[in-house]
Amino acid sequence: MSDFRPLDERFSASPQISEADVAEARSRGFAMIVNNRPEHESGDQTSGAEIEAAARAAGLDYRAIPITHSGFSETQVDALVEAMQSAKGPVLAYCRSGTRSTLLWALAQARQGVAHETIAAQAHEAGYDVTPVSPLIDMLLARRQA
């Protein structure tokens, strides 16, 4: 069974998915898959090309916004905001554990003006902690108020 964890009504995070998980995502109403995992991060991961092919065959949109261990960029945040805004339904994002997908979602939410407390509570409810990006969340929120 897949470990899709809802962060809000339109976005869920997951550890690495397989082609079978793509079919489950479709049956559960997801409209887009976002791959936050860089290629060749580990030898056991399903390639982005395989997930993309399965997603497109299932009628799902697909975006690759790889997050390496070097951290997050504003380009990646903007790419996720754009992906979420263009999605024709709920989005499923994945990485190795779901953490990078959650942290990028948190930054995208802050970019759109969602309160830090709301972001943290929603992530916590899904089993994730946004503390590692709290200063970035605060920075993005402060920019909106400037």
C-alpha atoms as a PDB file:
ATOM      1  CA  MET A   1       0.000   0.000   0.000  1.00  0.00           C
ATOM      2  CA  SER A   2       1.261   3.449  -0.893  1.00  0.00           C
ATOM      3  CA  ASP A   3       2.269   5.992   1.733  1.00  0.00           C
ATOM      4  CA  PHE A   4       0.591   9.090   0.290  1.00  0.00           C
ATOM      5  CA  ARG A   5       0.377  11.673   3.100  1.00  0.00           C
ATOM      6  CA  PRO A   6      -2.008  14.597   2.595  1.00  0.00           C
ATOM      7  CA  LEU A   7      -0.558  17.980   3.557  1.00  0.00           C
ATOM      8  CA  ASP A   8      -3.674  19.841   2.459  1.00  0.00           C
ATOM      9  CA  GLU A   9      -6.687  19.096   0.270  1.00  0.00           C
ATOM     10  CA  ARG A  10      -4.696  19.535  -2.949  1.00  0.00           C
ATOM     11  CA  PHE A  11      -1.208  18.262  -2.102  1.00  0.00           C
ATOM     12  CA  SER A  12       0.247  15.028  -0.733  1.00  0.00           C
ATOM     13  CA  ALA A  13       3.816  13.895  -0.162  1.00  0.00           C
ATOM     14  CA  SER A  14       5.181  10.383  -0.448  1.00  0.00           C
ATOM     15  CA  PRO A  15       8.368   8.403  -0.207  1.00  0.00           C
ATOM     16  CA  GLN A  16       9.690   6.985  -3.503  1.00  0.00           C
ATOM     17  CA  ILE A  17       6.869   5.683  -5.676  1.00  0.00           C
ATOM     18  CA  SER A  18       6.754   2.867  -8.209  1.00  0.00           C
ATOM     19  CA  GLU A  19       4.888   2.501 -11.470  1.00  0.00           C
ATOM     20  CA  ALA A  20       2.146   0.632  -9.558  1.00  0.00           C
ATOM     21  CA  ASP A  21       1.829   3.607  -7.220  1.00  0.00           C
ATOM     22  CA  VAL A  22       1.145   5.825 -10.237  1.00  0.00           C
ATOM     23  CA  ALA A  23      -1.937   3.732 -11.026  1.00  0.00           C
ATOM     24  CA  GLU A  24      -3.033   4.017  -7.409  1.00  0.00           C
ATOM     25  CA  ALA A  25      -2.481   7.786  -7.504  1.00  0.00           C
ATOM     26  CA  ARG A  26      -4.738   7.998 -10.551  1.00  0.00           C
ATOM     27  CA  SER A  27      -7.438   5.899  -8.871  1.00  0.00           C
ATOM     28  CA  ARG A  28      -7.255   8.161  -5.809  1.00  0.00           C
ATOM     29  CA  GLY A  29      -7.890  11.261  -7.916  1.00  0.00           C
ATOM     30  CA  PHE A  30      -4.444  12.816  -8.264  1.00  0.00           C
ATOM     31  CA  ALA A  31      -3.960  14.885 -11.415  1.00  0.00           C
ATOM     32  CA  MET A  32      -0.204  15.522 -11.275  1.00  0.00           C
ATOM     33  CA  ILE A  33       2.925  13.820  -9.985  1.00  0.00           C
ATOM     34  CA  VAL A  34       5.921  15.929  -8.973  1.00  0.00           C
ATOM     35  CA  ASN A  35       9.270  14.168  -8.737  1.00  0.00           C
ATOM     36  CA  ASN A  36      11.550  15.889  -6.205  1.00  0.00           C
ATOM     37  CA  ARG A  37      14.209  13.192  -6.336  1.00  0.00           C
ATOM     38  CA  PRO A  38      17.396  13.614  -8.392  1.00  0.00           C
ATOM     39  CA  GLU A  39      18.215  10.771 -10.750  1.00  0.00           C
ATOM     40  CA  HIS A  40      20.669   8.122  -9.535  1.00  0.00           C
ATOM     41  CA  GLU A  41      20.370   9.167  -5.894  1.00  0.00           C
ATOM     42  CA  SER A  42      20.328   5.480  -5.001  1.00  0.00           C
ATOM     43  CA  GLY A  43      20.512   2.260  -6.950  1.00  0.00           C
ATOM     44  CA  ASP A  44      17.076   1.052  -5.902  1.00  0.00           C
ATOM     45  CA  GLN A  45      14.970   3.999  -7.052  1.00  0.00           C
ATOM     46  CA  THR A  46      12.602   3.855  -9.991  1.00  0.00           C
ATOM     47  CA  SER A  47      13.851   6.329 -12.583  1.00  0.00           C
ATOM     48  CA  GLY A  48      12.050   9.570 -13.215  1.00  0.00           C
ATOM     49  CA  ALA A  49      11.632   8.566 -16.859  1.00  0.00           C
ATOM     50  CA  GLU A  50       9.766   5.408 -15.826  1.00  0.00           C
ATOM     51  CA  ILE A  51       7.511   7.332 -13.436  1.00  0.00           C
ATOM     52  CA  GLU A  52       6.896  10.014 -16.057  1.00  0.00           C
ATOM     53  CA  ALA A  53       5.958   7.402 -18.689  1.00  0.00           C
ATOM     54  CA  ALA A  54       3.582   5.679 -16.265  1.00  0.00           C
ATOM     55  CA  ALA A  55       2.057   9.008 -15.245  1.00  0.00           C
ATOM     56  CA  ARG A  56       1.482  10.151 -18.816  1.00  0.00           C
ATOM     57  CA  ALA A  57       0.041   6.738 -19.752  1.00  0.00           C
ATOM     58  CA  ALA A  58      -2.378   7.092 -16.825  1.00  0.00           C
ATOM     59  CA  GLY A  59      -3.393  10.576 -17.965  1.00  0.00           C
ATOM     60  CA  LEU A  60      -1.528  12.403 -15.199  1.00  0.00           C
ATOM     61  CA  ASP A  61       0.646  15.466 -15.600  1.00  0.00           C
ATOM     62  CA  TYR A  62       4.259  15.098 -14.471  1.00  0.00           C
ATOM     63  CA  ARG A  63       6.887  17.580 -13.327  1.00  0.00           C
ATOM     64  CA  ALA A  64      10.467  17.017 -12.221  1.00  0.00           C
ATOM     65  CA  ILE A  65      11.770  19.485  -9.635  1.00  0.00           C
ATOM     66  CA  PRO A  66      14.776  17.632  -8.218  1.00  0.00           C
ATOM     67  CA  ILE A  67      15.990  18.647  -4.764  1.00  0.00           C
ATOM     68  CA  THR A  68      19.550  17.619  -3.951  1.00  0.00           C
ATOM     69  CA  HIS A  69      21.030  17.566  -0.477  1.00  0.00           C
ATOM     70  CA  SER A  70      22.493  21.019  -1.153  1.00  0.00           C
ATOM     71  CA  GLY A  71      19.135  22.581  -0.301  1.00  0.00           C
ATOM     72  CA  PHE A  72      16.352  24.612  -1.822  1.00  0.00           C
ATOM     73  CA  SER A  73      16.374  27.471  -4.326  1.00  0.00           C
ATOM     74  CA  GLU A  74      13.780  30.070  -5.144  1.00  0.00           C
ATOM     75  CA  THR A  75      13.626  28.627  -8.650  1.00  0.00           C
ATOM     76  CA  GLN A  76      12.461  25.320  -7.177  1.00  0.00           C
ATOM     77  CA  VAL A  77       9.906  27.075  -4.958  1.00  0.00           C
ATOM     78  CA  ASP A  78       8.568  29.023  -7.934  1.00  0.00           C
ATOM     79  CA  ALA A  79       8.432  25.836 -10.026  1.00  0.00           C
ATOM     80  CA  LEU A  80       6.319  24.082  -7.398  1.00  0.00           C
ATOM     81  CA  VAL A  81       4.001  27.085  -7.006  1.00  0.00           C
ATOM     82  CA  GLU A  82       3.492  27.098 -10.780  1.00  0.00           C
ATOM     83  CA  ALA A  83       2.928  23.338 -10.871  1.00  0.00           C
ATOM     84  CA  MET A  84       0.330  23.482  -8.083  1.00  0.00           C
ATOM     85  CA  GLN A  85      -1.453  26.401  -9.740  1.00  0.00           C
ATOM     86  CA  SER A  86      -1.561  24.683 -13.124  1.00  0.00           C
ATOM     87  CA  ALA A  87      -2.606  21.260 -11.817  1.00  0.00           C
ATOM     88  CA  LYS A  88      -6.108  20.192 -12.795  1.00  0.00           C
ATOM     89  CA  GLY A  89      -6.571  18.490  -9.432  1.00  0.00           C
ATOM     90  CA  PRO A  90      -4.602  17.195  -6.452  1.00  0.00           C
ATOM     91  CA  VAL A  91      -0.822  16.876  -6.676  1.00  0.00           C
ATOM     92  CA  LEU A  92       1.304  13.988  -5.384  1.00  0.00           C
ATOM     93  CA  ALA A  93       4.972  14.850  -4.825  1.00  0.00           C
ATOM     94  CA  TYR A  94       7.631  12.309  -3.924  1.00  0.00           C
ATOM     95  CA  CYS A  95      11.281  12.023  -2.977  1.00  0.00           C
ATOM     96  CA  ARG A  96      13.204   9.395  -1.022  1.00  0.00           C
ATOM     97  CA  SER A  97      11.224   9.799   2.217  1.00  0.00           C
ATOM     98  CA  GLY A  98       8.704  12.535   1.424  1.00  0.00           C
ATOM     99  CA  THR A  99      10.588  15.053   3.548  1.00  0.00           C
ATOM    100  CA  ARG A 100      12.089  17.153   0.738  1.00  0.00           C
ATOM    101  CA  SER A 101       8.704  17.204  -0.997  1.00  0.00           C
ATOM    102  CA  THR A 102       7.102  18.411   2.240  1.00  0.00           C
ATOM    103  CA  LEU A 103       9.753  21.062   2.843  1.00  0.00           C
ATOM    104  CA  LEU A 104       9.404  22.377  -0.721  1.00  0.00           C
ATOM    105  CA  TRP A 105       5.608  22.423  -0.289  1.00  0.00           C
ATOM    106  CA  ALA A 106       6.084  24.401   2.948  1.00  0.00           C
ATOM    107  CA  LEU A 107       8.184  26.992   1.132  1.00  0.00           C
ATOM    108  CA  ALA A 108       5.653  27.189  -1.711  1.00  0.00           C
ATOM    109  CA  GLN A 109       2.870  27.722   0.822  1.00  0.00           C
ATOM    110  CA  ALA A 110       4.858  30.527   2.475  1.00  0.00           C
ATOM    111  CA  ARG A 111       5.507  32.080  -0.945  1.00  0.00           C
ATOM    112  CA  GLN A 112       1.711  32.218  -1.328  1.00  0.00           C
ATOM    113  CA  GLY A 113       1.202  33.773   2.103  1.00  0.00           C
ATOM    114  CA  VAL A 114       0.028  30.813   4.199  1.00  0.00           C
ATOM    115  CA  ALA A 115       0.808  31.374   7.891  1.00  0.00           C
ATOM    116  CA  HIS A 116       3.842  29.589   9.330  1.00  0.00           C
ATOM    117  CA  GLU A 117       1.733  28.007  12.085  1.00  0.00           C
ATOM    118  CA  THR A 118      -0.707  26.591   9.539  1.00  0.00           C
ATOM    119  CA  ILE A 119       2.092  25.157   7.409  1.00  0.00           C
ATOM    120  CA  ALA A 120       3.796  23.566  10.430  1.00  0.00           C
ATOM    121  CA  ALA A 121       0.550  22.104  11.765  1.00  0.00           C
ATOM    122  CA  GLN A 122      -0.437  20.563   8.429  1.00  0.00           C
ATOM    123  CA  ALA A 123       3.022  19.051   7.956  1.00  0.00           C
ATOM    124  CA  HIS A 124       3.036  17.732  11.523  1.00  0.00           C
ATOM    125  CA  GLU A 125      -0.349  16.093  11.003  1.00  0.00           C
ATOM    126  CA  ALA A 126       1.153  14.230   8.020  1.00  0.00           C
ATOM    127  CA  GLY A 127       4.163  13.152  10.086  1.00  0.00           C
ATOM    128  CA  TYR A 128       6.681  15.705   8.827  1.00  0.00           C
ATOM    129  CA  ASP A 129       8.603  18.525  10.525  1.00  0.00           C
ATOM    130  CA  VAL A 130       9.255  21.831   8.720  1.00  0.00           C
ATOM    131  CA  THR A 131      11.712  23.113  11.339  1.00  0.00           C
ATOM    132  CA  PRO A 132      14.705  22.730   8.951  1.00  0.00           C
ATOM    133  CA  VAL A 133      13.202  25.402   6.652  1.00  0.00           C
ATOM    134  CA  SER A 134      11.556  27.612   9.289  1.00  0.00           C
ATOM    135  CA  PRO A 135      13.931  30.543   8.660  1.00  0.00           C
ATOM    136  CA  LEU A 136      13.184  30.335   4.932  1.00  0.00           C
ATOM    137  CA  ILE A 137       9.433  30.193   5.599  1.00  0.00           C
ATOM    138  CA  ASP A 138       9.738  33.333   7.721  1.00  0.00           C
ATOM    139  CA  MET A 139      11.821  35.074   5.039  1.00  0.00           C
ATOM    140  CA  LEU A 140       9.284  34.311   2.311  1.00  0.00           C
ATOM    141  CA  LEU A 141       6.421  35.503   4.495  1.00  0.00           C
ATOM    142  CA  ALA A 142       8.290  38.697   5.417  1.00  0.00           C
ATOM    143  CA  ARG A 143       8.856  39.458   1.727  1.00  0.00           C
ATOM    144  CA  ARG A 144       5.111  39.278   1.117  1.00  0.00           C
ATOM    145  CA  GLN A 145       4.526  41.861   3.833  1.00  0.00           C
ATOM    146  CA  ALA A 146       7.233  44.259   2.610  1.00  0.00           C
END
